[in-house]
């Protein structure tokens, strides 16, 4: 049976390294990268198709990928008790990355950014659900 490297070379016609970062558009999802995803890649999602990125976006993405995310792996069990408590409290109130709404004007999915001004504050991006800062208990029954 061929190993992973041999399968990648057979599929792509050349040796291809593992994916280290991925830039997608709209709803966060990873696709069209057979055999290259390892679970260790940095994922970025824009609100416009990649050819229409703003002037500074590629630089921001590369800086984050090459500099900001290069921190040592944290062993949460070894953190001081105060840090564990703070992380737990922040996590309870932080919201969820990846939630969104369909913009009624464009029909496009747009992210809701909890606790951050901007797109999440636009009323069309919050409808039909609650404001981005609302708890799940306050959501109206809008499911299928």
C-alpha atoms as a PDB file:
ATOM      1  CA  UNK A   1       0.000   0.000   0.000  1.00  0.00           C
ATOM      2  CA  UNK A   2       1.424   3.450  -0.904  1.00  0.00           C
ATOM      3  CA  UNK A   3       2.238   5.871   1.905  1.00  0.00           C
ATOM      4  CA  UNK A   4       0.690   9.332   2.224  1.00  0.00           C
ATOM      5  CA  UNK A   5       3.553  11.084   0.349  1.00  0.00           C
ATOM      6  CA  UNK A   6       3.210   8.684  -2.590  1.00  0.00           C
ATOM      7  CA  UNK A   7      -0.561   9.227  -2.702  1.00  0.00           C
ATOM      8  CA  UNK A   8      -0.087  13.019  -2.684  1.00  0.00           C
ATOM      9  CA  UNK A   9       2.434  12.842  -5.509  1.00  0.00           C
ATOM     10  CA  UNK A  10       0.173  10.549  -7.529  1.00  0.00           C
ATOM     11  CA  UNK A  11      -2.856  12.812  -6.986  1.00  0.00           C
ATOM     12  CA  UNK A  12      -1.143  16.176  -7.677  1.00  0.00           C
ATOM     13  CA  UNK A  13       1.500  14.959 -10.143  1.00  0.00           C
ATOM     14  CA  UNK A  14       4.335  16.357  -8.016  1.00  0.00           C
ATOM     15  CA  UNK A  15       5.509  16.292  -4.411  1.00  0.00           C
ATOM     16  CA  UNK A  16       3.418  18.848  -2.514  1.00  0.00           C
ATOM     17  CA  UNK A  17       4.139  19.872   1.096  1.00  0.00           C
ATOM     18  CA  UNK A  18       1.495  19.754   3.804  1.00  0.00           C
ATOM     19  CA  UNK A  19      -0.833  22.710   3.954  1.00  0.00           C
ATOM     20  CA  UNK A  20       0.426  25.306   6.445  1.00  0.00           C
ATOM     21  CA  UNK A  21      -2.320  27.909   5.990  1.00  0.00           C
ATOM     22  CA  UNK A  22      -5.569  28.190   4.089  1.00  0.00           C
ATOM     23  CA  UNK A  23      -7.489  31.283   2.998  1.00  0.00           C
ATOM     24  CA  UNK A  24     -11.166  30.654   2.332  1.00  0.00           C
ATOM     25  CA  UNK A  25     -14.165  32.823   1.576  1.00  0.00           C
ATOM     26  CA  UNK A  26     -17.405  33.312   3.491  1.00  0.00           C
ATOM     27  CA  UNK A  27     -18.533  30.432   5.740  1.00  0.00           C
ATOM     28  CA  UNK A  28     -15.627  28.773   7.556  1.00  0.00           C
ATOM     29  CA  UNK A  29     -15.032  25.375   5.968  1.00  0.00           C
ATOM     30  CA  UNK A  30     -12.027  23.542   4.561  1.00  0.00           C
ATOM     31  CA  UNK A  31     -12.358  21.828   1.181  1.00  0.00           C
ATOM     32  CA  UNK A  32     -10.563  21.219  -2.118  1.00  0.00           C
ATOM     33  CA  UNK A  33      -7.260  20.240  -0.503  1.00  0.00           C
ATOM     34  CA  UNK A  34      -7.297  16.434  -0.676  1.00  0.00           C
ATOM     35  CA  UNK A  35      -4.558  14.772   1.405  1.00  0.00           C
ATOM     36  CA  UNK A  36      -2.836  18.069   2.333  1.00  0.00           C
ATOM     37  CA  UNK A  37      -4.719  19.013   5.501  1.00  0.00           C
ATOM     38  CA  UNK A  38      -3.122  17.720   8.680  1.00  0.00           C
ATOM     39  CA  UNK A  39      -5.145  19.599  11.300  1.00  0.00           C
ATOM     40  CA  UNK A  40      -2.162  21.847  12.062  1.00  0.00           C
ATOM     41  CA  UNK A  41      -2.827  24.477   9.393  1.00  0.00           C
ATOM     42  CA  UNK A  42      -3.834  28.062  10.178  1.00  0.00           C
ATOM     43  CA  UNK A  43      -7.252  28.871   8.739  1.00  0.00           C
ATOM     44  CA  UNK A  44      -8.363  32.320   7.561  1.00  0.00           C
ATOM     45  CA  UNK A  45     -11.709  33.308   6.067  1.00  0.00           C
ATOM     46  CA  UNK A  46     -12.458  36.547   4.261  1.00  0.00           C
ATOM     47  CA  UNK A  47     -15.759  38.272   3.546  1.00  0.00           C
ATOM     48  CA  UNK A  48     -14.967  38.753  -0.135  1.00  0.00           C
ATOM     49  CA  UNK A  49     -13.622  36.281  -2.684  1.00  0.00           C
ATOM     50  CA  UNK A  50      -9.842  35.937  -2.512  1.00  0.00           C
ATOM     51  CA  UNK A  51      -9.145  37.888  -5.763  1.00  0.00           C
ATOM     52  CA  UNK A  52     -10.904  40.870  -4.163  1.00  0.00           C
ATOM     53  CA  UNK A  53      -8.891  40.999  -0.923  1.00  0.00           C
ATOM     54  CA  UNK A  54      -8.200  44.462   0.447  1.00  0.00           C
ATOM     55  CA  UNK A  55      -4.736  45.888  -0.027  1.00  0.00           C
ATOM     56  CA  UNK A  56      -3.537  45.042   3.506  1.00  0.00           C
ATOM     57  CA  UNK A  57      -5.265  41.680   3.965  1.00  0.00           C
ATOM     58  CA  UNK A  58      -2.582  39.411   2.443  1.00  0.00           C
ATOM     59  CA  UNK A  59       0.050  41.108   4.606  1.00  0.00           C
ATOM     60  CA  UNK A  60      -2.116  40.761   7.750  1.00  0.00           C
ATOM     61  CA  UNK A  61      -2.724  37.073   7.019  1.00  0.00           C
ATOM     62  CA  UNK A  62       0.954  36.346   6.366  1.00  0.00           C
ATOM     63  CA  UNK A  63       2.049  38.260   9.472  1.00  0.00           C
ATOM     64  CA  UNK A  64      -0.427  36.351  11.620  1.00  0.00           C
ATOM     65  CA  UNK A  65       0.637  33.032  10.076  1.00  0.00           C
ATOM     66  CA  UNK A  66       4.393  33.643  10.255  1.00  0.00           C
ATOM     67  CA  UNK A  67       4.667  35.670  13.488  1.00  0.00           C
ATOM     68  CA  UNK A  68       1.601  35.952  15.702  1.00  0.00           C
ATOM     69  CA  UNK A  69       0.595  32.268  15.784  1.00  0.00           C
ATOM     70  CA  UNK A  70       4.136  31.049  16.359  1.00  0.00           C
ATOM     71  CA  UNK A  71       3.814  30.626  20.088  1.00  0.00           C
ATOM     72  CA  UNK A  72       4.812  27.544  22.037  1.00  0.00           C
ATOM     73  CA  UNK A  73       2.135  24.951  22.679  1.00  0.00           C
ATOM     74  CA  UNK A  74       0.492  25.629  26.049  1.00  0.00           C
ATOM     75  CA  UNK A  75      -0.059  22.842  28.565  1.00  0.00           C
ATOM     76  CA  UNK A  76      -3.289  24.040  30.188  1.00  0.00           C
ATOM     77  CA  UNK A  77      -2.875  21.641  33.111  1.00  0.00           C
ATOM     78  CA  UNK A  78       0.388  23.405  34.018  1.00  0.00           C
ATOM     79  CA  UNK A  79      -1.036  26.958  34.012  1.00  0.00           C
ATOM     80  CA  UNK A  80      -1.309  28.795  37.347  1.00  0.00           C
ATOM     81  CA  UNK A  81      -4.739  28.404  38.961  1.00  0.00           C
ATOM     82  CA  UNK A  82      -5.556  32.105  38.421  1.00  0.00           C
ATOM     83  CA  UNK A  83      -4.906  31.775  34.677  1.00  0.00           C
ATOM     84  CA  UNK A  84      -7.159  28.704  34.459  1.00  0.00           C
ATOM     85  CA  UNK A  85      -9.976  30.562  36.218  1.00  0.00           C
ATOM     86  CA  UNK A  86      -9.585  33.614  33.957  1.00  0.00           C
ATOM     87  CA  UNK A  87      -9.604  31.467  30.796  1.00  0.00           C
ATOM     88  CA  UNK A  88     -12.707  29.618  31.979  1.00  0.00           C
ATOM     89  CA  UNK A  89     -14.545  32.883  32.717  1.00  0.00           C
ATOM     90  CA  UNK A  90     -13.491  34.462  29.421  1.00  0.00           C
ATOM     91  CA  UNK A  91     -14.622  31.350  27.577  1.00  0.00           C
ATOM     92  CA  UNK A  92     -18.088  31.505  29.111  1.00  0.00           C
ATOM     93  CA  UNK A  93     -18.572  35.081  27.936  1.00  0.00           C
ATOM     94  CA  UNK A  94     -16.582  35.111  24.695  1.00  0.00           C
ATOM     95  CA  UNK A  95     -19.166  33.996  22.156  1.00  0.00           C
ATOM     96  CA  UNK A  96     -18.535  31.645  19.271  1.00  0.00           C
ATOM     97  CA  UNK A  97     -16.380  32.224  16.202  1.00  0.00           C
ATOM     98  CA  UNK A  98     -18.106  30.929  13.069  1.00  0.00           C
ATOM     99  CA  UNK A  99     -21.692  32.018  13.721  1.00  0.00           C
ATOM    100  CA  UNK A 100     -23.343  34.102  11.053  1.00  0.00           C
ATOM    101  CA  UNK A 101     -26.484  35.402   9.426  1.00  0.00           C
ATOM    102  CA  UNK A 102     -27.685  35.738   5.865  1.00  0.00           C
ATOM    103  CA  UNK A 103     -27.682  39.391   4.818  1.00  0.00           C
ATOM    104  CA  UNK A 104     -31.228  40.117   3.562  1.00  0.00           C
ATOM    105  CA  UNK A 105     -29.938  42.610   0.975  1.00  0.00           C
ATOM    106  CA  UNK A 106     -27.280  40.421  -0.673  1.00  0.00           C
ATOM    107  CA  UNK A 107     -28.306  36.910   0.365  1.00  0.00           C
ATOM    108  CA  UNK A 108     -24.696  36.300   1.441  1.00  0.00           C
ATOM    109  CA  UNK A 109     -23.736  34.658   4.706  1.00  0.00           C
ATOM    110  CA  UNK A 110     -21.912  37.105   6.973  1.00  0.00           C
ATOM    111  CA  UNK A 111     -20.233  36.444  10.322  1.00  0.00           C
ATOM    112  CA  UNK A 112     -21.584  37.741  13.585  1.00  0.00           C
ATOM    113  CA  UNK A 113     -18.661  39.065  15.553  1.00  0.00           C
ATOM    114  CA  UNK A 114     -19.593  38.870  19.232  1.00  0.00           C
ATOM    115  CA  UNK A 115     -18.502  41.814  21.314  1.00  0.00           C
ATOM    116  CA  UNK A 116     -16.802  43.552  18.391  1.00  0.00           C
ATOM    117  CA  UNK A 117     -18.226  46.563  16.587  1.00  0.00           C
ATOM    118  CA  UNK A 118     -18.629  46.374  12.851  1.00  0.00           C
ATOM    119  CA  UNK A 119     -20.363  43.697  10.823  1.00  0.00           C
ATOM    120  CA  UNK A 120     -22.000  42.003  13.795  1.00  0.00           C
ATOM    121  CA  UNK A 121     -23.659  45.308  14.695  1.00  0.00           C
ATOM    122  CA  UNK A 122     -25.335  45.759  11.312  1.00  0.00           C
ATOM    123  CA  UNK A 123     -29.053  45.032  11.897  1.00  0.00           C
ATOM    124  CA  UNK A 124     -29.406  43.152   8.608  1.00  0.00           C
ATOM    125  CA  UNK A 125     -26.675  40.766   9.680  1.00  0.00           C
ATOM    126  CA  UNK A 126     -28.350  39.998  12.991  1.00  0.00           C
ATOM    127  CA  UNK A 127     -31.835  39.303  11.718  1.00  0.00           C
ATOM    128  CA  UNK A 128     -33.728  37.054  12.259  1.00  0.00           C
ATOM    129  CA  UNK A 129     -31.885  36.014  15.438  1.00  0.00           C
ATOM    130  CA  UNK A 130     -30.849  38.000  18.507  1.00  0.00           C
ATOM    131  CA  UNK A 131     -28.046  40.549  18.748  1.00  0.00           C
ATOM    132  CA  UNK A 132     -24.552  39.089  18.629  1.00  0.00           C
ATOM    133  CA  UNK A 133     -24.171  39.590  22.371  1.00  0.00           C
ATOM    134  CA  UNK A 134     -27.399  37.789  23.301  1.00  0.00           C
ATOM    135  CA  UNK A 135     -27.246  34.474  25.073  1.00  0.00           C
ATOM    136  CA  UNK A 136     -28.596  31.339  23.419  1.00  0.00           C
ATOM    137  CA  UNK A 137     -31.444  31.238  25.939  1.00  0.00           C
ATOM    138  CA  UNK A 138     -32.821  34.517  24.512  1.00  0.00           C
ATOM    139  CA  UNK A 139     -32.887  33.333  20.881  1.00  0.00           C
ATOM    140  CA  UNK A 140     -36.334  33.082  19.305  1.00  0.00           C
ATOM    141  CA  UNK A 141     -37.240  29.756  17.750  1.00  0.00           C
ATOM    142  CA  UNK A 142     -36.062  30.435  14.179  1.00  0.00           C
ATOM    143  CA  UNK A 143     -34.769  26.984  13.252  1.00  0.00           C
ATOM    144  CA  UNK A 144     -36.011  24.819  10.382  1.00  0.00           C
END
